[in-house]
Amino acid sequence: MDLLKKIGSWADALTQIGISLIAFGVVLEVLFGGVNIPFWPDISVVGNIMGILGSLSGEGLLGLVGAFVLYHILKNKG
């Protein structure tokens, strides 16, 4: 049981790190206009988020349910 708690805490920490990196990427793209960020790889965080939201909306009700479930999972983490 202790092993499962340790794995859960690692997963929680990795999720928090991922969310922080996504938020940091969005802020950098807003500040630098999305181009030539000195130490950030050549990816568009905002573009990727918009693509995910577009694919969820294209799925109709199933995408809405998926977004709702993901929102509640992340909301209950805090």
PDB file of N, CA and C in Angstrom:
ATOM      1  N   MET A   1       0.823  -1.181   0.000  1.00  0.00           N
ATOM      2  CA  MET A   1       0.000   0.000   0.000  1.00  0.00           C
ATOM      3  C   MET A   1       0.874   1.254   0.000  1.00  0.00           C
ATOM      4  N   ASP A   2       2.009   1.191   0.676  1.00  0.00           N
ATOM      5  CA  ASP A   2       2.922   2.323   0.718  1.00  0.00           C
ATOM      6  C   ASP A   2       3.483   2.627  -0.667  1.00  0.00           C
ATOM      7  N   LEU A   3       3.712   1.590  -1.461  1.00  0.00           N
ATOM      8  CA  LEU A   3       4.209   1.759  -2.822  1.00  0.00           C
ATOM      9  C   LEU A   3       3.195   2.507  -3.680  1.00  0.00           C
ATOM     10  N   LEU A   4       1.920   2.195  -3.523  1.00  0.00           N
ATOM     11  CA  LEU A   4       0.887   2.882  -4.289  1.00  0.00           C
ATOM     12  C   LEU A   4       0.796   4.355  -3.905  1.00  0.00           C
ATOM     13  N   LYS A   5       0.962   4.659  -2.630  1.00  0.00           N
ATOM     14  CA  LYS A   5       0.949   6.060  -2.199  1.00  0.00           C
ATOM     15  C   LYS A   5       2.139   6.815  -2.771  1.00  0.00           C
ATOM     16  N   LYS A   6       3.298   6.162  -2.814  1.00  0.00           N
ATOM     17  CA  LYS A   6       4.490   6.797  -3.353  1.00  0.00           C
ATOM     18  C   LYS A   6       4.334   7.049  -4.853  1.00  0.00           C
ATOM     19  N   ILE A   7       3.798   6.084  -5.573  1.00  0.00           N
ATOM     20  CA  ILE A   7       3.559   6.262  -7.010  1.00  0.00           C
ATOM     21  C   ILE A   7       2.532   7.359  -7.243  1.00  0.00           C
ATOM     22  N   GLY A   8       1.502   7.405  -6.420  1.00  0.00           N
ATOM     23  CA  GLY A   8       0.496   8.461  -6.521  1.00  0.00           C
ATOM     24  C   GLY A   8       1.071   9.843  -6.272  1.00  0.00           C
ATOM     25  N   SER A   9       1.960   9.941  -5.297  1.00  0.00           N
ATOM     26  CA  SER A   9       2.571  11.245  -5.005  1.00  0.00           C
ATOM     27  C   SER A   9       3.500  11.669  -6.142  1.00  0.00           C
ATOM     28  N   TRP A  10       4.211  10.715  -6.769  1.00  0.00           N
ATOM     29  CA  TRP A  10       5.049  11.036  -7.927  1.00  0.00           C
ATOM     30  C   TRP A  10       4.185  11.517  -9.088  1.00  0.00           C
ATOM     31  N   ALA A  11       3.080  10.816  -9.329  1.00  0.00           N
ATOM     32  CA  ALA A  11       2.186  11.208 -10.417  1.00  0.00           C
ATOM     33  C   ALA A  11       1.608  12.592 -10.162  1.00  0.00           C
ATOM     34  N   ASP A  12       1.258  12.877  -8.935  1.00  0.00           N
ATOM     35  CA  ASP A  12       0.727  14.193  -8.583  1.00  0.00           C
ATOM     36  C   ASP A  12       1.778  15.281  -8.795  1.00  0.00           C
ATOM     37  N   ALA A  13       3.004  15.007  -8.390  1.00  0.00           N
ATOM     38  CA  ALA A  13       4.080  15.981  -8.569  1.00  0.00           C
ATOM     39  C   ALA A  13       4.361  16.221 -10.055  1.00  0.00           C
ATOM     40  N   LEU A  14       4.373  15.169 -10.846  1.00  0.00           N
ATOM     41  CA  LEU A  14       4.597  15.324 -12.285  1.00  0.00           C
ATOM     42  C   LEU A  14       3.458  16.096 -12.949  1.00  0.00           C
ATOM     43  N   THR A  15       2.233  15.873 -12.499  1.00  0.00           N
ATOM     44  CA  THR A  15       1.091  16.611 -13.035  1.00  0.00           C
ATOM     45  C   THR A  15       1.219  18.094 -12.708  1.00  0.00           C
ATOM     46  N   GLN A  16       1.600  18.411 -11.484  1.00  0.00           N
ATOM     47  CA  GLN A  16       1.769  19.808 -11.095  1.00  0.00           C
ATOM     48  C   GLN A  16       2.893  20.474 -11.880  1.00  0.00           C
ATOM     49  N   ILE A  17       3.981  19.755 -12.114  1.00  0.00           N
ATOM     50  CA  ILE A  17       5.088  20.292 -12.906  1.00  0.00           C
ATOM     51  C   ILE A  17       4.626  20.544 -14.341  1.00  0.00           C
ATOM     52  N   GLY A  18       3.878  19.606 -14.909  1.00  0.00           N
ATOM     53  CA  GLY A  18       3.377  19.767 -16.273  1.00  0.00           C
ATOM     54  C   GLY A  18       2.453  20.963 -16.411  1.00  0.00           C
ATOM     55  N   ILE A  19       1.552  21.124 -15.464  1.00  0.00           N
ATOM     56  CA  ILE A  19       0.630  22.267 -15.496  1.00  0.00           C
ATOM     57  C   ILE A  19       1.405  23.576 -15.347  1.00  0.00           C
ATOM     58  N   SER A  20       2.413  23.582 -14.491  1.00  0.00           N
ATOM     59  CA  SER A  20       3.223  24.793 -14.318  1.00  0.00           C
ATOM     60  C   SER A  20       3.994  25.126 -15.598  1.00  0.00           C
ATOM     61  N   LEU A  21       4.531  24.123 -16.277  1.00  0.00           N
ATOM     62  CA  LEU A  21       5.248  24.363 -17.531  1.00  0.00           C
ATOM     63  C   LEU A  21       4.318  24.875 -18.626  1.00  0.00           C
ATOM     64  N   ILE A  22       3.114  24.345 -18.680  1.00  0.00           N
ATOM     65  CA  ILE A  22       2.138  24.824 -19.662  1.00  0.00           C
ATOM     66  C   ILE A  22       1.794  26.278 -19.388  1.00  0.00           C
ATOM     67  N   ALA A  23       1.537  26.609 -18.127  1.00  0.00           N
ATOM     68  CA  ALA A  23       1.221  28.001 -17.774  1.00  0.00           C
ATOM     69  C   ALA A  23       2.403  28.920 -18.081  1.00  0.00           C
ATOM     70  N   PHE A  24       3.602  28.462 -17.791  1.00  0.00           N
ATOM     71  CA  PHE A  24       4.807  29.243 -18.077  1.00  0.00           C
ATOM     72  C   PHE A  24       4.956  29.471 -19.582  1.00  0.00           C
ATOM     73  N   GLY A  25       4.667  28.442 -20.372  1.00  0.00           N
ATOM     74  CA  GLY A  25       4.734  28.577 -21.823  1.00  0.00           C
ATOM     75  C   GLY A  25       3.729  29.578 -22.360  1.00  0.00           C
ATOM     76  N   VAL A  26       2.526  29.574 -21.817  1.00  0.00           N
ATOM     77  CA  VAL A  26       1.503  30.532 -22.244  1.00  0.00           C
ATOM     78  C   VAL A  26       1.955  31.959 -21.915  1.00  0.00           C
ATOM     79  N   VAL A  27       2.478  32.155 -20.714  1.00  0.00           N
ATOM     80  CA  VAL A  27       2.939  33.491 -20.317  1.00  0.00           C
ATOM     81  C   VAL A  27       4.083  33.951 -21.216  1.00  0.00           C
ATOM     82  N   LEU A  28       5.028  33.075 -21.518  1.00  0.00           N
ATOM     83  CA  LEU A  28       6.138  33.444 -22.396  1.00  0.00           C
ATOM     84  C   LEU A  28       5.651  33.814 -23.787  1.00  0.00           C
ATOM     85  N   GLU A  29       4.693  33.052 -24.312  1.00  0.00           N
ATOM     86  CA  GLU A  29       4.181  33.364 -25.643  1.00  0.00           C
ATOM     87  C   GLU A  29       3.453  34.704 -25.660  1.00  0.00           C
ATOM     88  N   VAL A  30       2.760  35.024 -24.588  1.00  0.00           N
ATOM     89  CA  VAL A  30       2.075  36.319 -24.527  1.00  0.00           C
ATOM     90  C   VAL A  30       3.101  37.450 -24.427  1.00  0.00           C
ATOM     91  N   LEU A  31       4.120  37.280 -23.582  1.00  0.00           N
ATOM     92  CA  LEU A  31       5.111  38.337 -23.395  1.00  0.00           C
ATOM     93  C   LEU A  31       5.985  38.558 -24.626  1.00  0.00           C
ATOM     94  N   PHE A  32       6.417  37.475 -25.277  1.00  0.00           N
ATOM     95  CA  PHE A  32       7.330  37.574 -26.407  1.00  0.00           C
ATOM     96  C   PHE A  32       6.629  37.502 -27.759  1.00  0.00           C
ATOM     97  N   GLY A  33       5.328  37.475 -27.778  1.00  0.00           N
ATOM     98  CA  GLY A  33       4.601  37.425 -29.039  1.00  0.00           C
ATOM     99  C   GLY A  33       4.670  36.075 -29.728  1.00  0.00           C
ATOM    100  N   GLY A  34       5.104  35.060 -29.051  1.00  0.00           N
ATOM    101  CA  GLY A  34       5.120  33.713 -29.596  1.00  0.00           C
ATOM    102  C   GLY A  34       6.282  33.397 -30.518  1.00  0.00           C
ATOM    103  N   VAL A  35       7.223  34.309 -30.692  1.00  0.00           N
ATOM    104  CA  VAL A  35       8.346  34.055 -31.591  1.00  0.00           C
ATOM    105  C   VAL A  35       9.660  34.377 -30.898  1.00  0.00           C
ATOM    106  N   ASN A  36      10.665  33.614 -31.254  1.00  0.00           N
ATOM    107  CA  ASN A  36      12.046  33.858 -30.811  1.00  0.00           C
ATOM    108  C   ASN A  36      12.191  33.975 -29.296  1.00  0.00           C
ATOM    109  N   ILE A  37      11.595  33.063 -28.584  1.00  0.00           N
ATOM    110  CA  ILE A  37      11.798  33.022 -27.138  1.00  0.00           C
ATOM    111  C   ILE A  37      13.170  32.396 -26.914  1.00  0.00           C
ATOM    112  N   PRO A  38      14.062  33.075 -26.210  1.00  0.00           N
ATOM    113  CA  PRO A  38      15.479  32.667 -26.173  1.00  0.00           C
ATOM    114  C   PRO A  38      15.738  31.232 -25.729  1.00  0.00           C
ATOM    115  N   PHE A  39      15.131  30.754 -24.681  1.00  0.00           N
ATOM    116  CA  PHE A  39      15.464  29.439 -24.134  1.00  0.00           C
ATOM    117  C   PHE A  39      14.326  28.446 -24.266  1.00  0.00           C
ATOM    118  N   TRP A  40      13.293  28.773 -25.021  1.00  0.00           N
ATOM    119  CA  TRP A  40      12.111  27.916 -25.172  1.00  0.00           C
ATOM    120  C   TRP A  40      12.190  27.225 -26.525  1.00  0.00           C
ATOM    121  N   PRO A  41      11.870  25.924 -26.588  1.00  0.00           N
ATOM    122  CA  PRO A  41      11.902  25.246 -27.891  1.00  0.00           C
ATOM    123  C   PRO A  41      10.883  25.854 -28.857  1.00  0.00           C
ATOM    124  N   ASP A  42      11.065  25.566 -30.129  1.00  0.00           N
ATOM    125  CA  ASP A  42      10.215  26.163 -31.161  1.00  0.00           C
ATOM    126  C   ASP A  42       8.871  25.438 -31.240  1.00  0.00           C
ATOM    127  N   ILE A  43       8.054  25.617 -30.189  1.00  0.00           N
ATOM    128  CA  ILE A  43       6.709  25.043 -30.151  1.00  0.00           C
ATOM    129  C   ILE A  43       5.728  26.135 -29.770  1.00  0.00           C
ATOM    130  N   SER A  44       4.496  25.932 -30.126  1.00  0.00           N
ATOM    131  CA  SER A  44       3.457  26.900 -29.796  1.00  0.00           C
ATOM    132  C   SER A  44       2.508  26.275 -28.775  1.00  0.00           C
ATOM    133  N   VAL A  45       2.656  26.669 -27.535  1.00  0.00           N
ATOM    134  CA  VAL A  45       1.807  26.128 -26.468  1.00  0.00           C
ATOM    135  C   VAL A  45       0.362  26.548 -26.691  1.00  0.00           C
ATOM    136  N   VAL A  46       0.155  27.812 -27.014  1.00  0.00           N
ATOM    137  CA  VAL A  46      -1.194  28.310 -27.231  1.00  0.00           C
ATOM    138  C   VAL A  46      -1.820  27.621 -28.439  1.00  0.00           C
ATOM    139  N   GLY A  47      -1.039  27.436 -29.501  1.00  0.00           N
ATOM    140  CA  GLY A  47      -1.542  26.725 -30.682  1.00  0.00           C
ATOM    141  C   GLY A  47      -1.932  25.289 -30.376  1.00  0.00           C
ATOM    142  N   ASN A  48      -1.131  24.617 -29.554  1.00  0.00           N
ATOM    143  CA  ASN A  48      -1.452  23.238 -29.169  1.00  0.00           C
ATOM    144  C   ASN A  48      -2.717  23.177 -28.319  1.00  0.00           C
ATOM    145  N   ILE A  49      -2.880  24.126 -27.405  1.00  0.00           N
ATOM    146  CA  ILE A  49      -4.086  24.152 -26.573  1.00  0.00           C
ATOM    147  C   ILE A  49      -5.309  24.403 -27.444  1.00  0.00           C
ATOM    148  N   MET A  50      -5.184  25.345 -28.394  1.00  0.00           N
ATOM    149  CA  MET A  50      -6.298  25.630 -29.296  1.00  0.00           C
ATOM    150  C   MET A  50      -6.639  24.405 -30.151  1.00  0.00           C
ATOM    151  N   GLY A  51      -5.625  23.654 -30.569  1.00  0.00           N
ATOM    152  CA  GLY A  51      -5.875  22.442 -31.335  1.00  0.00           C
ATOM    153  C   GLY A  51      -6.600  21.379 -30.531  1.00  0.00           C
ATOM    154  N   ILE A  52      -6.219  21.216 -29.278  1.00  0.00           N
ATOM    155  CA  ILE A  52      -6.888  20.248 -28.402  1.00  0.00           C
ATOM    156  C   ILE A  52      -8.334  20.655 -28.178  1.00  0.00           C
ATOM    157  N   LEU A  53      -8.560  21.938 -27.913  1.00  0.00           N
ATOM    158  CA  LEU A  53      -9.929  22.407 -27.705  1.00  0.00           C
ATOM    159  C   LEU A  53     -10.763  22.270 -28.975  1.00  0.00           C
ATOM    160  N   GLY A  54     -10.137  22.501 -30.123  1.00  0.00           N
ATOM    161  CA  GLY A  54     -10.846  22.337 -31.386  1.00  0.00           C
ATOM    162  C   GLY A  54     -11.234  20.899 -31.645  1.00  0.00           C
ATOM    163  N   SER A  55     -10.337  19.964 -31.313  1.00  0.00           N
ATOM    164  CA  SER A  55     -10.665  18.553 -31.519  1.00  0.00           C
ATOM    165  C   SER A  55     -11.739  18.089 -30.542  1.00  0.00           C
ATOM    166  N   LEU A  56     -11.726  18.634 -29.320  1.00  0.00           N
ATOM    167  CA  LEU A  56     -12.775  18.282 -28.371  1.00  0.00           C
ATOM    168  C   LEU A  56     -14.126  18.814 -28.827  1.00  0.00           C
ATOM    169  N   SER A  57     -14.139  20.029 -29.356  1.00  0.00           N
ATOM    170  CA  SER A  57     -15.420  20.577 -29.809  1.00  0.00           C
ATOM    171  C   SER A  57     -15.906  19.866 -31.063  1.00  0.00           C
ATOM    172  N   GLY A  58     -14.994  19.328 -31.858  1.00  0.00           N
ATOM    173  CA  GLY A  58     -15.388  18.583 -33.048  1.00  0.00           C
ATOM    174  C   GLY A  58     -16.018  17.241 -32.725  1.00  0.00           C
ATOM    175  N   GLU A  59     -15.804  16.749 -31.538  1.00  0.00           N
ATOM    176  CA  GLU A  59     -16.353  15.464 -31.129  1.00  0.00           C
ATOM    177  C   GLU A  59     -17.755  15.582 -30.542  1.00  0.00           C
ATOM    178  N   GLY A  60     -18.246  16.779 -30.374  1.00  0.00           N
ATOM    179  CA  GLY A  60     -19.605  16.977 -29.870  1.00  0.00           C
ATOM    180  C   GLY A  60     -19.731  16.658 -28.393  1.00  0.00           C
ATOM    181  N   LEU A  61     -20.735  15.883 -28.059  1.00  0.00           N
ATOM    182  CA  LEU A  61     -21.043  15.580 -26.664  1.00  0.00           C
ATOM    183  C   LEU A  61     -19.925  14.787 -25.999  1.00  0.00           C
ATOM    184  N   LEU A  62     -19.304  13.878 -26.733  1.00  0.00           N
ATOM    185  CA  LEU A  62     -18.219  13.077 -26.163  1.00  0.00           C
ATOM    186  C   LEU A  62     -17.044  13.970 -25.776  1.00  0.00           C
ATOM    187  N   GLY A  63     -16.713  14.948 -26.606  1.00  0.00           N
ATOM    188  CA  GLY A  63     -15.643  15.881 -26.274  1.00  0.00           C
ATOM    189  C   GLY A  63     -15.985  16.738 -25.075  1.00  0.00           C
ATOM    190  N   LEU A  64     -17.246  17.137 -24.979  1.00  0.00           N
ATOM    191  CA  LEU A  64     -17.687  17.937 -23.837  1.00  0.00           C
ATOM    192  C   LEU A  64     -17.583  17.142 -22.537  1.00  0.00           C
ATOM    193  N   VAL A  65     -17.984  15.886 -22.570  1.00  0.00           N
ATOM    194  CA  VAL A  65     -17.892  15.028 -21.391  1.00  0.00           C
ATOM    195  C   VAL A  65     -16.422  14.813 -21.018  1.00  0.00           C
ATOM    196  N   GLY A  66     -15.561  14.600 -22.016  1.00  0.00           N
ATOM    197  CA  GLY A  66     -14.135  14.423 -21.751  1.00  0.00           C
ATOM    198  C   GLY A  66     -13.512  15.651 -21.116  1.00  0.00           C
ATOM    199  N   ALA A  67     -13.860  16.835 -21.634  1.00  0.00           N
ATOM    200  CA  ALA A  67     -13.345  18.071 -21.055  1.00  0.00           C
ATOM    201  C   ALA A  67     -13.853  18.267 -19.630  1.00  0.00           C
ATOM    202  N   PHE A  68     -15.112  17.919 -19.383  1.00  0.00           N
ATOM    203  CA  PHE A  68     -15.704  18.038 -18.052  1.00  0.00           C
ATOM    204  C   PHE A  68     -14.987  17.124 -17.054  1.00  0.00           C
ATOM    205  N   VAL A  69     -14.730  15.893 -17.451  1.00  0.00           N
ATOM    206  CA  VAL A  69     -14.044  14.938 -16.575  1.00  0.00           C
ATOM    207  C   VAL A  69     -12.620  15.406 -16.293  1.00  0.00           C
ATOM    208  N   LEU A  70     -11.905  15.856 -17.329  1.00  0.00           N
ATOM    209  CA  LEU A  70     -10.539  16.336 -17.141  1.00  0.00           C
ATOM    210  C   LEU A  70     -10.504  17.550 -16.221  1.00  0.00           C
ATOM    211  N   TYR A  71     -11.454  18.457 -16.383  1.00  0.00           N
ATOM    212  CA  TYR A  71     -11.527  19.638 -15.521  1.00  0.00           C
ATOM    213  C   TYR A  71     -11.705  19.240 -14.061  1.00  0.00           C
ATOM    214  N   HIS A  72     -12.600  18.307 -13.793  1.00  0.00           N
ATOM    215  CA  HIS A  72     -12.850  17.913 -12.399  1.00  0.00           C
ATOM    216  C   HIS A  72     -11.679  17.137 -11.803  1.00  0.00           C
ATOM    217  N   ILE A  73     -10.991  16.365 -12.608  1.00  0.00           N
ATOM    218  CA  ILE A  73      -9.803  15.667 -12.106  1.00  0.00           C
ATOM    219  C   ILE A  73      -8.753  16.681 -11.676  1.00  0.00           C
ATOM    220  N   LEU A  74      -8.487  17.662 -12.537  1.00  0.00           N
ATOM    221  CA  LEU A  74      -7.459  18.663 -12.210  1.00  0.00           C
ATOM    222  C   LEU A  74      -7.907  19.605 -11.103  1.00  0.00           C
ATOM    223  N   LYS A  75      -9.201  19.886 -11.030  1.00  0.00           N
ATOM    224  CA  LYS A  75      -9.718  20.776  -9.985  1.00  0.00           C
ATOM    225  C   LYS A  75      -9.588  20.118  -8.609  1.00  0.00           C
ATOM    226  N   ASN A  76      -9.814  18.822  -8.524  1.00  0.00           N
ATOM    227  CA  ASN A  76      -9.740  18.119  -7.246  1.00  0.00           C
ATOM    228  C   ASN A  76      -8.315  17.870  -6.793  1.00  0.00           C
ATOM    229  N   LYS A  77      -7.325  18.058  -7.672  1.00  0.00           N
ATOM    230  CA  LYS A  77      -5.921  17.888  -7.290  1.00  0.00           C
ATOM    231  C   LYS A  77      -5.486  18.962  -6.322  1.00  0.00           C
ATOM    232  N   GLY A  78      -6.035  20.167  -6.471  1.00  0.00           N
ATOM    233  CA  GLY A  78      -5.609  21.306  -5.640  1.00  0.00           C
ATOM    234  C   GLY A  78      -6.251  21.237  -4.335  1.00  0.00           C
TER     235      GLY A  78
END
